[in-house]
Amino acid sequence: MERPLDDEVWQRFERLQRRRPGGFAIAALVRPPDPAAGEDEERWLARVRPAAARAPFGLHTHWTSPTHARPTGGDAAERVRREVGWLRERGLEPTLFAGGGWYLDAAVADVLAELGLADCTGTRFRPDYLEPGAPRLQAEEPATLTLPSGRRLVELPVTHSLGAVARGVASRLPRYLHVYFHDTDLLDARRRAALVVALTVLGRRRARSDLTQLARLPLPESVARLE
């Protein structure tokens, strides 16, 4: 969730989360408010607290600004630590994390492991817009990653975008699917309908879980493949 203070975006997301198409809990991984951009904290909290109570909840960090997801400077790991602390001070307990622009490095992963969050930044696919060598995590299925520090991080990688699952829902599917979408996708009627239809079909074809439940399962051990 990148625009929770946009009224139409929020209403569409809230309606979808309550509807639970296919019986799936729609996790909310939310970008915190940015005071420098004039975003109101109390209004943000009034919206996000109910969403966090309805389904798995997590942090989505935009490293540079509300409109710029990947880092352009500063200490990325310290930003995550600060934002998790900010949420906890306000009674919100994130269990999940997704780095903006799919950004993850060893230091960020280490902070997540230390703070007890499961990571959802890994992807089965390589985003086309990333430059060669851009920091990210390649991952196919859920695993417990051993980090360079020796800490262990639960990884719940994304496998399908909204478009990919809409195109592939009627074909042979991998045993594990984790579909992501942005809250702004819900502004487009066709994308909104495609998401609902895809989740409804998936709910009939596959066993359902949510990210918090999945993070608690015994997962295969793996060594982190941070690029």
Protein backbone atom coordinates (compact mmCIF):
# COMPACT_ATOMS: atom_id res chain seq x y z
CA MET A 1 0.00 0.00 0.00
CA GLU A 2 1.58 3.21 -1.22
CA ARG A 3 -1.28 5.73 -1.08
CA PRO A 4 -3.38 4.95 2.01
CA LEU A 5 -4.26 8.63 2.41
CA ASP A 6 -5.85 8.81 -1.04
CA ASP A 7 -9.59 8.49 -0.34
CA GLU A 8 -10.52 6.51 -3.45
CA VAL A 9 -7.49 4.22 -3.21
CA TRP A 10 -8.23 3.51 0.43
CA GLN A 11 -11.94 2.85 -0.11
CA ARG A 12 -11.18 0.39 -2.89
CA PHE A 13 -8.58 -1.44 -0.82
CA GLU A 14 -10.76 -1.57 2.28
CA ARG A 15 -13.65 -2.98 0.24
CA LEU A 16 -11.40 -5.66 -1.28
CA GLN A 17 -9.90 -6.61 2.06
CA ARG A 18 -13.35 -7.02 3.60
CA ARG A 19 -14.61 -8.99 0.59
CA ARG A 20 -11.77 -11.58 0.71
CA PRO A 21 -12.17 -12.86 -2.87
CA GLY A 22 -11.49 -16.58 -3.09
CA GLY A 23 -11.41 -16.67 0.71
CA PHE A 24 -7.95 -15.10 0.79
CA ALA A 25 -6.86 -12.69 3.51
CA ILE A 26 -5.46 -9.61 1.73
CA ALA A 27 -2.31 -8.61 3.59
CA ALA A 28 -1.60 -4.91 4.02
CA LEU A 29 2.07 -3.97 3.70
CA VAL A 30 1.92 -0.23 4.15
CA ARG A 31 4.22 2.72 3.51
CA PRO A 32 4.35 4.91 6.65
CA PRO A 33 3.29 8.56 6.40
CA ASP A 34 5.95 11.05 5.34
CA PRO A 35 5.69 14.29 7.37
CA ALA A 36 7.98 16.06 4.89
CA ALA A 37 5.35 15.42 2.22
CA GLY A 38 2.58 16.75 4.47
CA GLU A 39 1.04 13.33 5.17
CA ASP A 40 -1.13 13.29 8.28
CA GLU A 41 -0.14 10.70 10.90
CA GLU A 42 -3.46 10.55 12.76
CA ARG A 43 -5.46 10.08 9.58
CA TRP A 44 -3.02 7.36 8.50
CA LEU A 45 -3.37 5.56 11.83
CA ALA A 46 -7.16 5.77 11.75
CA ARG A 47 -7.16 3.90 8.44
CA VAL A 48 -4.33 1.45 8.94
CA ARG A 49 -5.22 0.15 12.40
CA PRO A 50 -8.47 -1.51 11.21
CA ALA A 51 -6.69 -2.92 8.14
CA ALA A 52 -3.99 -4.41 10.36
CA ALA A 53 -6.67 -6.07 12.49
CA ARG A 54 -8.38 -7.69 9.49
CA ALA A 55 -5.41 -9.46 7.89
CA PRO A 56 -1.61 -9.91 8.07
CA PHE A 57 0.13 -6.56 8.44
CA GLY A 58 3.56 -5.35 7.47
CA LEU A 59 5.87 -2.51 6.58
CA HIS A 60 6.53 -1.33 3.03
CA THR A 61 9.50 1.02 3.02
CA HIS A 62 9.97 3.67 0.34
CA TRP A 63 13.61 4.54 0.75
CA THR A 64 13.72 7.97 -0.89
CA SER A 65 10.23 9.54 -0.97
CA PRO A 66 6.55 8.65 -1.35
CA THR A 67 7.06 8.53 -5.12
CA HIS A 68 10.58 7.07 -5.23
CA ALA A 69 10.83 3.51 -3.93
CA ARG A 70 14.52 2.53 -4.18
CA PRO A 71 17.29 4.12 -2.10
CA THR A 72 19.33 7.05 -3.40
CA GLY A 73 21.35 7.53 -0.21
CA GLY A 74 21.31 7.14 3.56
CA ASP A 75 21.39 4.03 5.73
CA ALA A 76 18.70 1.65 4.44
CA ALA A 77 18.93 -0.75 7.39
CA GLU A 78 18.62 2.06 9.92
CA ARG A 79 15.55 3.36 8.12
CA VAL A 80 13.86 -0.02 8.50
CA ARG A 81 14.75 -0.14 12.19
CA ARG A 82 13.34 3.37 12.67
CA GLU A 83 10.10 2.65 10.82
CA VAL A 84 9.45 -0.62 12.65
CA GLY A 85 10.03 1.25 15.92
CA TRP A 86 7.63 3.99 14.85
CA LEU A 87 4.90 1.42 14.16
CA ARG A 88 5.43 -0.40 17.44
CA GLU A 89 5.33 2.82 19.43
CA ARG A 90 1.83 3.34 18.01
CA GLY A 91 0.56 -0.12 18.88
CA LEU A 92 1.02 -1.65 15.43
CA GLU A 93 3.00 -4.87 15.21
CA PRO A 94 4.31 -5.57 11.70
CA THR A 95 5.08 -9.21 11.00
CA LEU A 96 5.98 -8.75 7.33
CA PHE A 97 8.24 -6.53 5.24
CA ALA A 98 8.49 -5.61 1.56
CA GLY A 99 11.23 -3.27 0.38
CA GLY A 100 10.21 -0.60 -2.10
CA GLY A 101 11.44 -1.31 -5.60
CA TRP A 102 12.27 -4.86 -4.44
CA TYR A 103 15.33 -3.51 -2.63
CA LEU A 104 17.00 -5.79 -0.11
CA ASP A 105 20.62 -5.97 0.98
CA ALA A 106 22.42 -7.98 3.66
CA ALA A 107 22.19 -5.20 6.26
CA VAL A 108 18.44 -4.73 5.76
CA ALA A 109 17.90 -8.50 5.88
CA ASP A 110 19.88 -8.67 9.12
CA VAL A 111 17.72 -5.98 10.78
CA LEU A 112 14.56 -7.80 9.71
CA ALA A 113 15.85 -11.05 11.23
CA GLU A 114 16.82 -9.25 14.43
CA LEU A 115 13.39 -7.60 14.73
CA GLY A 116 11.49 -10.82 13.94
CA LEU A 117 9.83 -9.81 10.67
CA ALA A 118 9.36 -12.19 7.73
CA ASP A 119 10.52 -10.79 4.41
CA CYS A 120 8.41 -10.62 1.24
CA THR A 121 10.92 -8.71 -0.91
CA GLY A 122 12.37 -11.74 -2.68
CA THR A 123 10.95 -12.47 -6.12
CA ARG A 124 10.77 -15.49 -8.36
CA PHE A 125 11.18 -13.15 -11.33
CA ARG A 126 13.63 -10.35 -12.01
CA PRO A 127 11.81 -7.00 -12.40
CA ASP A 128 12.56 -5.66 -15.87
CA TYR A 129 13.29 -2.11 -14.74
CA LEU A 130 16.16 -3.03 -12.40
CA GLU A 131 19.67 -2.36 -13.64
CA PRO A 132 22.18 -5.25 -13.72
CA GLY A 133 23.63 -5.77 -10.25
CA ALA A 134 20.85 -3.84 -8.48
CA PRO A 135 20.51 -5.23 -4.92
CA ARG A 136 17.63 -7.71 -4.67
CA LEU A 137 16.85 -11.26 -3.55
CA GLN A 138 16.14 -14.09 -5.99
CA ALA A 139 13.92 -16.70 -4.33
CA GLU A 140 11.55 -19.35 -5.61
CA GLU A 141 9.69 -20.67 -2.55
CA PRO A 142 9.39 -19.98 1.18
CA ALA A 143 12.54 -20.75 3.12
CA THR A 144 14.49 -19.88 6.23
CA LEU A 145 17.56 -18.03 5.00
CA THR A 146 20.89 -18.10 6.75
CA LEU A 147 22.37 -14.60 6.44
CA PRO A 148 26.06 -13.66 6.31
CA SER A 149 25.81 -12.60 9.96
CA GLY A 150 24.52 -16.04 10.97
CA ARG A 151 21.02 -14.74 11.72
CA ARG A 152 18.07 -16.53 10.13
CA LEU A 153 15.34 -14.79 8.15
CA VAL A 154 11.99 -16.20 7.07
CA GLU A 155 11.56 -15.46 3.35
CA LEU A 156 8.11 -15.55 1.68
CA PRO A 157 8.92 -14.55 -1.89
CA VAL A 158 6.53 -13.08 -4.41
CA THR A 159 5.85 -15.32 -7.39
CA HIS A 160 3.23 -13.50 -9.46
CA SER A 161 2.21 -9.96 -10.28
CA LEU A 162 -1.46 -9.19 -10.80
CA GLY A 163 -1.00 -9.45 -14.57
CA ALA A 164 0.91 -12.72 -14.37
CA VAL A 165 -1.65 -14.46 -12.20
CA ALA A 166 -4.55 -13.19 -14.32
CA ARG A 167 -2.86 -14.61 -17.44
CA GLY A 168 -1.85 -17.90 -15.83
CA VAL A 169 -4.67 -18.79 -13.46
CA ALA A 170 -6.24 -21.25 -15.90
CA SER A 171 -2.94 -22.99 -16.69
CA ARG A 172 -0.57 -25.20 -14.70
CA LEU A 173 0.52 -23.40 -11.56
CA PRO A 174 3.49 -23.86 -9.21
CA ARG A 175 2.76 -25.39 -5.82
CA TYR A 176 3.37 -22.06 -4.08
CA LEU A 177 1.83 -18.76 -5.20
CA HIS A 178 2.24 -15.36 -3.63
CA VAL A 179 0.46 -12.67 -5.62
CA TYR A 180 1.25 -8.99 -5.14
CA PHE A 181 -0.47 -5.85 -6.33
CA HIS A 182 -0.27 -2.15 -5.55
CA ASP A 183 -3.21 -0.36 -3.98
CA THR A 184 -3.24 2.00 -6.98
CA ASP A 185 -4.02 -0.98 -9.27
CA LEU A 186 -7.49 -0.92 -7.75
CA LEU A 187 -8.22 2.41 -9.43
CA ASP A 188 -8.33 0.64 -12.80
CA ALA A 189 -11.61 -1.22 -13.27
CA ARG A 190 -10.09 -3.87 -15.53
CA ARG A 191 -7.18 -4.61 -13.20
CA ARG A 192 -9.52 -4.65 -10.21
CA ALA A 193 -11.81 -7.13 -11.93
CA ALA A 194 -8.89 -9.27 -13.07
CA LEU A 195 -7.61 -9.51 -9.50
CA VAL A 196 -10.98 -10.53 -8.08
CA VAL A 197 -11.55 -13.14 -10.78
CA ALA A 198 -8.02 -14.57 -10.44
CA LEU A 199 -8.28 -14.87 -6.64
CA THR A 200 -11.74 -16.41 -6.89
CA VAL A 201 -10.48 -19.06 -9.31
CA LEU A 202 -7.37 -19.70 -7.20
CA GLY A 203 -9.53 -20.14 -4.13
CA ARG A 204 -11.33 -22.99 -5.88
CA ARG A 205 -8.19 -24.64 -7.20
CA ARG A 206 -5.67 -24.33 -4.41
CA ALA A 207 -5.33 -24.65 -0.64
CA ARG A 208 -5.42 -21.24 1.06
CA SER A 209 -3.09 -19.82 3.66
CA ASP A 210 -2.02 -16.36 4.70
CA LEU A 211 1.45 -14.95 5.11
CA THR A 212 1.45 -14.95 8.90
CA GLN A 213 0.43 -18.62 9.03
CA LEU A 214 3.03 -19.51 6.42
CA ALA A 215 5.79 -17.73 8.31
CA ARG A 216 5.15 -19.94 11.35
CA LEU A 217 5.58 -23.23 9.49
CA PRO A 218 8.86 -25.20 9.49
CA LEU A 219 10.48 -24.06 6.24
CA PRO A 220 13.40 -25.49 4.24
CA GLU A 221 16.81 -24.08 5.13
CA SER A 222 18.62 -22.06 2.48
CA VAL A 223 21.54 -19.69 2.15
CA ALA A 224 20.58 -16.12 1.21
CA ARG A 225 21.11 -15.34 -2.48
CA LEU A 226 21.36 -11.58 -2.26
CA GLU A 227 22.46 -9.98 -5.51
